[in-house]
């Protein structure tokens, strides 16, 4: 019981710090905002900020969605093909996203594309997601994670996600769950007609 309460308190503190940082980045600019200012506004010690976010970049590029997505993907029935399972997992993850969380995710995407230091950090984060996705695809298909087909599929999905991030920052009215599903459906149906 105490452990559950402690974890909820940590999650609230982490969310408060990140929300405060994003607000300050919007108001003052990323470069002009210090971790000390974020800590002061969030009413926590600056060491607390670093406990949850090891770098200033992590305040923007870190999110809690990958574990949720991969849990949903791993929970998909084994007979469902990998891309169909990914579409279902993405739909479940995004449909369950509260509007405030979706707005914060879009704000982070805008910052990532605007700030060079964040683009580099986000690229590393996306590569880690791509590797994990390849591992899950390998598990689902019985192939090795370094199998060319597995890596190609994970890389193609990575490209889809990158394009969607850019499009979402350009069009805030975009329905992200539908756009993700349509893009993955295009990938699933194949691009042979483009050859």
C-alpha atoms as a PDB file:
ATOM      1  CA  UNK A   1       0.000   0.000   0.000  1.00  0.00           C
ATOM      2  CA  UNK A   2       2.718   2.501   1.004  1.00  0.00           C
ATOM      3  CA  UNK A   3       4.706   1.483  -2.074  1.00  0.00           C
ATOM      4  CA  UNK A   4       1.742   2.278  -4.350  1.00  0.00           C
ATOM      5  CA  UNK A   5       1.222   5.652  -2.684  1.00  0.00           C
ATOM      6  CA  UNK A   6       4.932   6.462  -3.048  1.00  0.00           C
ATOM      7  CA  UNK A   7       4.857   5.575  -6.763  1.00  0.00           C
ATOM      8  CA  UNK A   8       1.780   7.746  -7.352  1.00  0.00           C
ATOM      9  CA  UNK A   9       3.460  10.651  -5.552  1.00  0.00           C
ATOM     10  CA  UNK A  10       6.581  10.208  -7.710  1.00  0.00           C
ATOM     11  CA  UNK A  11       4.457  10.131 -10.870  1.00  0.00           C
ATOM     12  CA  UNK A  12       2.651  13.344  -9.825  1.00  0.00           C
ATOM     13  CA  UNK A  13       5.956  15.076  -9.040  1.00  0.00           C
ATOM     14  CA  UNK A  14       7.443  13.984 -12.369  1.00  0.00           C
ATOM     15  CA  UNK A  15       4.361  15.201 -14.267  1.00  0.00           C
ATOM     16  CA  UNK A  16       4.373  18.535 -12.409  1.00  0.00           C
ATOM     17  CA  UNK A  17       8.043  19.136 -13.195  1.00  0.00           C
ATOM     18  CA  UNK A  18       7.591  18.324 -16.875  1.00  0.00           C
ATOM     19  CA  UNK A  19       4.422  20.423 -17.214  1.00  0.00           C
ATOM     20  CA  UNK A  20       6.147  23.361 -15.515  1.00  0.00           C
ATOM     21  CA  UNK A  21       9.168  23.016 -17.798  1.00  0.00           C
ATOM     22  CA  UNK A  22       7.037  22.924 -20.942  1.00  0.00           C
ATOM     23  CA  UNK A  23       5.112  26.017 -19.820  1.00  0.00           C
ATOM     24  CA  UNK A  24       8.324  27.920 -19.135  1.00  0.00           C
ATOM     25  CA  UNK A  25       9.876  26.795 -22.412  1.00  0.00           C
ATOM     26  CA  UNK A  26       6.812  28.137 -24.263  1.00  0.00           C
ATOM     27  CA  UNK A  27       6.804  31.419 -22.325  1.00  0.00           C
ATOM     28  CA  UNK A  28      10.539  32.162 -22.139  1.00  0.00           C
ATOM     29  CA  UNK A  29      12.139  29.922 -24.722  1.00  0.00           C
ATOM     30  CA  UNK A  30      14.078  26.712 -24.219  1.00  0.00           C
ATOM     31  CA  UNK A  31      17.563  28.239 -24.113  1.00  0.00           C
ATOM     32  CA  UNK A  32      16.533  31.091 -21.787  1.00  0.00           C
ATOM     33  CA  UNK A  33      14.982  28.760 -19.197  1.00  0.00           C
ATOM     34  CA  UNK A  34      17.207  27.193 -16.543  1.00  0.00           C
ATOM     35  CA  UNK A  35      16.633  24.066 -14.503  1.00  0.00           C
ATOM     36  CA  UNK A  36      16.794  26.243 -11.385  1.00  0.00           C
ATOM     37  CA  UNK A  37      13.894  28.350 -12.709  1.00  0.00           C
ATOM     38  CA  UNK A  38      11.897  25.206 -13.446  1.00  0.00           C
ATOM     39  CA  UNK A  39      12.563  23.858  -9.948  1.00  0.00           C
ATOM     40  CA  UNK A  40      11.564  27.158  -8.343  1.00  0.00           C
ATOM     41  CA  UNK A  41       8.293  27.339 -10.338  1.00  0.00           C
ATOM     42  CA  UNK A  42       7.497  23.672  -9.588  1.00  0.00           C
ATOM     43  CA  UNK A  43       8.395  24.231  -5.919  1.00  0.00           C
ATOM     44  CA  UNK A  44      10.923  21.412  -5.820  1.00  0.00           C
ATOM     45  CA  UNK A  45      14.675  21.307  -5.305  1.00  0.00           C
ATOM     46  CA  UNK A  46      16.749  21.439  -8.490  1.00  0.00           C
ATOM     47  CA  UNK A  47      18.227  18.078  -7.438  1.00  0.00           C
ATOM     48  CA  UNK A  48      14.675  16.683  -7.571  1.00  0.00           C
ATOM     49  CA  UNK A  49      14.393  17.790 -11.195  1.00  0.00           C
ATOM     50  CA  UNK A  50      17.592  15.895 -12.020  1.00  0.00           C
ATOM     51  CA  UNK A  51      16.365  12.829 -10.122  1.00  0.00           C
ATOM     52  CA  UNK A  52      13.499  12.510 -12.599  1.00  0.00           C
ATOM     53  CA  UNK A  53      15.139  14.051 -15.671  1.00  0.00           C
ATOM     54  CA  UNK A  54      18.935  13.530 -15.874  1.00  0.00           C
ATOM     55  CA  UNK A  55      19.367  16.326 -18.437  1.00  0.00           C
ATOM     56  CA  UNK A  56      17.477  19.439 -19.454  1.00  0.00           C
ATOM     57  CA  UNK A  57      16.753  17.758 -22.801  1.00  0.00           C
ATOM     58  CA  UNK A  58      15.041  14.874 -20.995  1.00  0.00           C
ATOM     59  CA  UNK A  59      12.412  17.325 -19.735  1.00  0.00           C
ATOM     60  CA  UNK A  60      11.197  17.476 -23.327  1.00  0.00           C
ATOM     61  CA  UNK A  61      12.087  14.159 -24.971  1.00  0.00           C
ATOM     62  CA  UNK A  62      11.061  11.819 -22.125  1.00  0.00           C
ATOM     63  CA  UNK A  63       7.576  10.406 -22.032  1.00  0.00           C
ATOM     64  CA  UNK A  64       5.766   7.425 -20.559  1.00  0.00           C
ATOM     65  CA  UNK A  65       4.180   6.145 -23.759  1.00  0.00           C
ATOM     66  CA  UNK A  66       6.729   3.611 -25.035  1.00  0.00           C
ATOM     67  CA  UNK A  67       6.227   1.164 -22.137  1.00  0.00           C
ATOM     68  CA  UNK A  68       2.440   1.401 -22.555  1.00  0.00           C
ATOM     69  CA  UNK A  69       2.731   0.848 -26.305  1.00  0.00           C
ATOM     70  CA  UNK A  70       5.102  -2.105 -25.991  1.00  0.00           C
ATOM     71  CA  UNK A  71       2.967  -3.713 -23.288  1.00  0.00           C
ATOM     72  CA  UNK A  72      -0.081  -3.458 -25.572  1.00  0.00           C
ATOM     73  CA  UNK A  73       1.935  -4.813 -28.504  1.00  0.00           C
ATOM     74  CA  UNK A  74       3.291  -7.748 -26.505  1.00  0.00           C
ATOM     75  CA  UNK A  75      -0.236  -8.472 -25.241  1.00  0.00           C
ATOM     76  CA  UNK A  76      -1.612  -8.827 -28.766  1.00  0.00           C
ATOM     77  CA  UNK A  77      -2.552 -12.418 -29.731  1.00  0.00           C
ATOM     78  CA  UNK A  78       0.461 -14.198 -31.289  1.00  0.00           C
ATOM     79  CA  UNK A  79      -1.391 -15.006 -34.516  1.00  0.00           C
ATOM     80  CA  UNK A  80      -1.923 -11.311 -35.328  1.00  0.00           C
ATOM     81  CA  UNK A  81       0.695 -10.135 -37.884  1.00  0.00           C
ATOM     82  CA  UNK A  82       3.236  -7.613 -36.530  1.00  0.00           C
ATOM     83  CA  UNK A  83       1.981  -4.491 -38.328  1.00  0.00           C
ATOM     84  CA  UNK A  84      -1.657  -5.255 -37.538  1.00  0.00           C
ATOM     85  CA  UNK A  85      -0.663  -5.768 -33.890  1.00  0.00           C
ATOM     86  CA  UNK A  86       1.213  -2.455 -33.932  1.00  0.00           C
ATOM     87  CA  UNK A  87      -1.783  -0.646 -35.431  1.00  0.00           C
ATOM     88  CA  UNK A  88      -4.030  -2.068 -32.716  1.00  0.00           C
ATOM     89  CA  UNK A  89      -1.542  -1.192 -29.959  1.00  0.00           C
ATOM     90  CA  UNK A  90      -1.071   2.355 -31.280  1.00  0.00           C
ATOM     91  CA  UNK A  91      -4.818   2.877 -31.522  1.00  0.00           C
ATOM     92  CA  UNK A  92      -5.344   1.635 -27.959  1.00  0.00           C
ATOM     93  CA  UNK A  93      -2.496   3.805 -26.634  1.00  0.00           C
ATOM     94  CA  UNK A  94      -3.504   6.985 -28.466  1.00  0.00           C
ATOM     95  CA  UNK A  95      -7.250   6.617 -27.934  1.00  0.00           C
ATOM     96  CA  UNK A  96      -6.570   6.407 -24.184  1.00  0.00           C
ATOM     97  CA  UNK A  97      -4.525   9.617 -24.195  1.00  0.00           C
ATOM     98  CA  UNK A  98      -6.278  12.444 -22.321  1.00  0.00           C
ATOM     99  CA  UNK A  99      -6.536  15.691 -24.353  1.00  0.00           C
ATOM    100  CA  UNK A 100      -4.158  17.527 -21.983  1.00  0.00           C
ATOM    101  CA  UNK A 101      -1.527  14.803 -22.438  1.00  0.00           C
ATOM    102  CA  UNK A 102      -1.955  14.920 -26.220  1.00  0.00           C
ATOM    103  CA  UNK A 103      -1.492  18.709 -26.157  1.00  0.00           C
ATOM    104  CA  UNK A 104       1.670  18.334 -24.043  1.00  0.00           C
ATOM    105  CA  UNK A 105       3.013  15.689 -26.438  1.00  0.00           C
ATOM    106  CA  UNK A 106       2.436  18.040 -29.368  1.00  0.00           C
ATOM    107  CA  UNK A 107       4.131  20.903 -27.489  1.00  0.00           C
ATOM    108  CA  UNK A 108       7.130  18.627 -26.947  1.00  0.00           C
ATOM    109  CA  UNK A 109       7.191  17.710 -30.649  1.00  0.00           C
ATOM    110  CA  UNK A 110       7.182  21.396 -31.625  1.00  0.00           C
ATOM    111  CA  UNK A 111      10.079  22.107 -29.258  1.00  0.00           C
ATOM    112  CA  UNK A 112      12.020  19.099 -30.534  1.00  0.00           C
ATOM    113  CA  UNK A 113      11.793  20.305 -34.117  1.00  0.00           C
ATOM    114  CA  UNK A 114      12.631  23.904 -33.167  1.00  0.00           C
ATOM    115  CA  UNK A 115      15.652  23.352 -30.883  1.00  0.00           C
ATOM    116  CA  UNK A 116      18.768  21.655 -32.350  1.00  0.00           C
ATOM    117  CA  UNK A 117      19.899  20.184 -29.001  1.00  0.00           C
ATOM    118  CA  UNK A 118      16.480  18.592 -28.600  1.00  0.00           C
ATOM    119  CA  UNK A 119      16.509  17.131 -32.110  1.00  0.00           C
ATOM    120  CA  UNK A 120      19.701  15.247 -31.268  1.00  0.00           C
ATOM    121  CA  UNK A 121      18.326  13.968 -27.968  1.00  0.00           C
ATOM    122  CA  UNK A 122      15.022  12.983 -29.570  1.00  0.00           C
ATOM    123  CA  UNK A 123      16.801  11.131 -32.355  1.00  0.00           C
ATOM    124  CA  UNK A 124      18.572   8.992 -29.751  1.00  0.00           C
ATOM    125  CA  UNK A 125      15.261   8.369 -28.034  1.00  0.00           C
ATOM    126  CA  UNK A 126      13.603   7.403 -31.325  1.00  0.00           C
ATOM    127  CA  UNK A 127      16.474   5.044 -32.174  1.00  0.00           C
ATOM    128  CA  UNK A 128      15.981   3.284 -28.837  1.00  0.00           C
ATOM    129  CA  UNK A 129      12.262   2.970 -29.615  1.00  0.00           C
ATOM    130  CA  UNK A 130      13.091   1.571 -33.061  1.00  0.00           C
ATOM    131  CA  UNK A 131      15.439  -1.029 -31.543  1.00  0.00           C
ATOM    132  CA  UNK A 132      12.842  -2.120 -28.990  1.00  0.00           C
ATOM    133  CA  UNK A 133      10.211  -2.291 -31.705  1.00  0.00           C
ATOM    134  CA  UNK A 134      12.544  -4.533 -33.711  1.00  0.00           C
ATOM    135  CA  UNK A 135      12.978  -6.777 -30.663  1.00  0.00           C
ATOM    136  CA  UNK A 136       9.202  -7.068 -30.250  1.00  0.00           C
ATOM    137  CA  UNK A 137       8.755  -7.816 -33.966  1.00  0.00           C
ATOM    138  CA  UNK A 138      11.468 -10.476 -33.648  1.00  0.00           C
ATOM    139  CA  UNK A 139       9.691 -12.027 -30.650  1.00  0.00           C
ATOM    140  CA  UNK A 140       6.385 -12.081 -32.538  1.00  0.00           C
ATOM    141  CA  UNK A 141       7.854 -13.672 -35.681  1.00  0.00           C
ATOM    142  CA  UNK A 142      10.446 -16.000 -34.158  1.00  0.00           C
ATOM    143  CA  UNK A 143      13.217 -14.207 -36.052  1.00  0.00           C
ATOM    144  CA  UNK A 144      16.437 -12.727 -34.716  1.00  0.00           C
ATOM    145  CA  UNK A 145      16.405  -9.000 -33.856  1.00  0.00           C
ATOM    146  CA  UNK A 146      19.187  -8.416 -36.417  1.00  0.00           C
ATOM    147  CA  UNK A 147      17.242 -10.196 -39.188  1.00  0.00           C
ATOM    148  CA  UNK A 148      17.167  -7.915 -42.234  1.00  0.00           C
ATOM    149  CA  UNK A 149      13.369  -8.098 -42.595  1.00  0.00           C
ATOM    150  CA  UNK A 150      12.872  -7.274 -38.911  1.00  0.00           C
ATOM    151  CA  UNK A 151      15.249  -4.307 -39.066  1.00  0.00           C
ATOM    152  CA  UNK A 152      13.727  -3.053 -42.310  1.00  0.00           C
ATOM    153  CA  UNK A 153      10.211  -3.201 -40.870  1.00  0.00           C
ATOM    154  CA  UNK A 154      11.291  -1.414 -37.664  1.00  0.00           C
ATOM    155  CA  UNK A 155      13.091   1.212 -39.750  1.00  0.00           C
ATOM    156  CA  UNK A 156      10.057   1.752 -41.961  1.00  0.00           C
ATOM    157  CA  UNK A 157       7.878   2.251 -38.880  1.00  0.00           C
ATOM    158  CA  UNK A 158      10.490   4.669 -37.516  1.00  0.00           C
ATOM    159  CA  UNK A 159      10.191   6.684 -40.738  1.00  0.00           C
ATOM    160  CA  UNK A 160       6.402   6.701 -40.456  1.00  0.00           C
ATOM    161  CA  UNK A 161       6.586   7.975 -36.858  1.00  0.00           C
ATOM    162  CA  UNK A 162       9.094  10.674 -37.775  1.00  0.00           C
ATOM    163  CA  UNK A 163       6.916  11.915 -40.645  1.00  0.00           C
ATOM    164  CA  UNK A 164       3.836  11.913 -38.408  1.00  0.00           C
ATOM    165  CA  UNK A 165       5.632  13.971 -35.776  1.00  0.00           C
ATOM    166  CA  UNK A 166       6.512  16.614 -38.369  1.00  0.00           C
ATOM    167  CA  UNK A 167       2.997  16.641 -39.839  1.00  0.00           C
ATOM    168  CA  UNK A 168       1.424  16.921 -36.371  1.00  0.00           C
ATOM    169  CA  UNK A 169       3.506  19.994 -35.548  1.00  0.00           C
ATOM    170  CA  UNK A 170       2.428  21.582 -38.841  1.00  0.00           C
ATOM    171  CA  UNK A 171      -1.257  20.742 -38.392  1.00  0.00           C
ATOM    172  CA  UNK A 172      -2.480  20.872 -34.778  1.00  0.00           C
ATOM    173  CA  UNK A 173      -5.984  19.847 -35.885  1.00  0.00           C
ATOM    174  CA  UNK A 174      -4.694  16.501 -37.185  1.00  0.00           C
ATOM    175  CA  UNK A 175      -6.429  13.526 -35.585  1.00  0.00           C
ATOM    176  CA  UNK A 176      -3.310  11.688 -34.434  1.00  0.00           C
ATOM    177  CA  UNK A 177      -4.859   8.232 -33.803  1.00  0.00           C
ATOM    178  CA  UNK A 178      -6.429   8.231 -37.291  1.00  0.00           C
ATOM    179  CA  UNK A 179      -3.282   9.593 -38.957  1.00  0.00           C
ATOM    180  CA  UNK A 180      -1.107   6.931 -37.299  1.00  0.00           C
ATOM    181  CA  UNK A 181      -3.502   4.173 -38.297  1.00  0.00           C
ATOM    182  CA  UNK A 182      -3.738   5.404 -41.898  1.00  0.00           C
ATOM    183  CA  UNK A 183       0.045   5.679 -42.222  1.00  0.00           C
ATOM    184  CA  UNK A 184       0.602   2.193 -40.804  1.00  0.00           C
ATOM    185  CA  UNK A 185      -2.169   0.848 -43.038  1.00  0.00           C
ATOM    186  CA  UNK A 186      -0.306   2.266 -46.052  1.00  0.00           C
ATOM    187  CA  UNK A 187       2.848   0.546 -44.856  1.00  0.00           C
ATOM    188  CA  UNK A 188       0.956  -2.688 -44.165  1.00  0.00           C
ATOM    189  CA  UNK A 189      -0.672  -2.777 -47.594  1.00  0.00           C
ATOM    190  CA  UNK A 190       2.711  -2.264 -49.226  1.00  0.00           C
ATOM    191  CA  UNK A 191       4.166   0.287 -51.541  1.00  0.00           C
ATOM    192  CA  UNK A 192       4.542  -1.971 -54.586  1.00  0.00           C
ATOM    193  CA  UNK A 193       2.455   0.377 -56.720  1.00  0.00           C
ATOM    194  CA  UNK A 194       5.115   3.065 -56.194  1.00  0.00           C
ATOM    195  CA  UNK A 195       7.916   0.910 -57.593  1.00  0.00           C
END
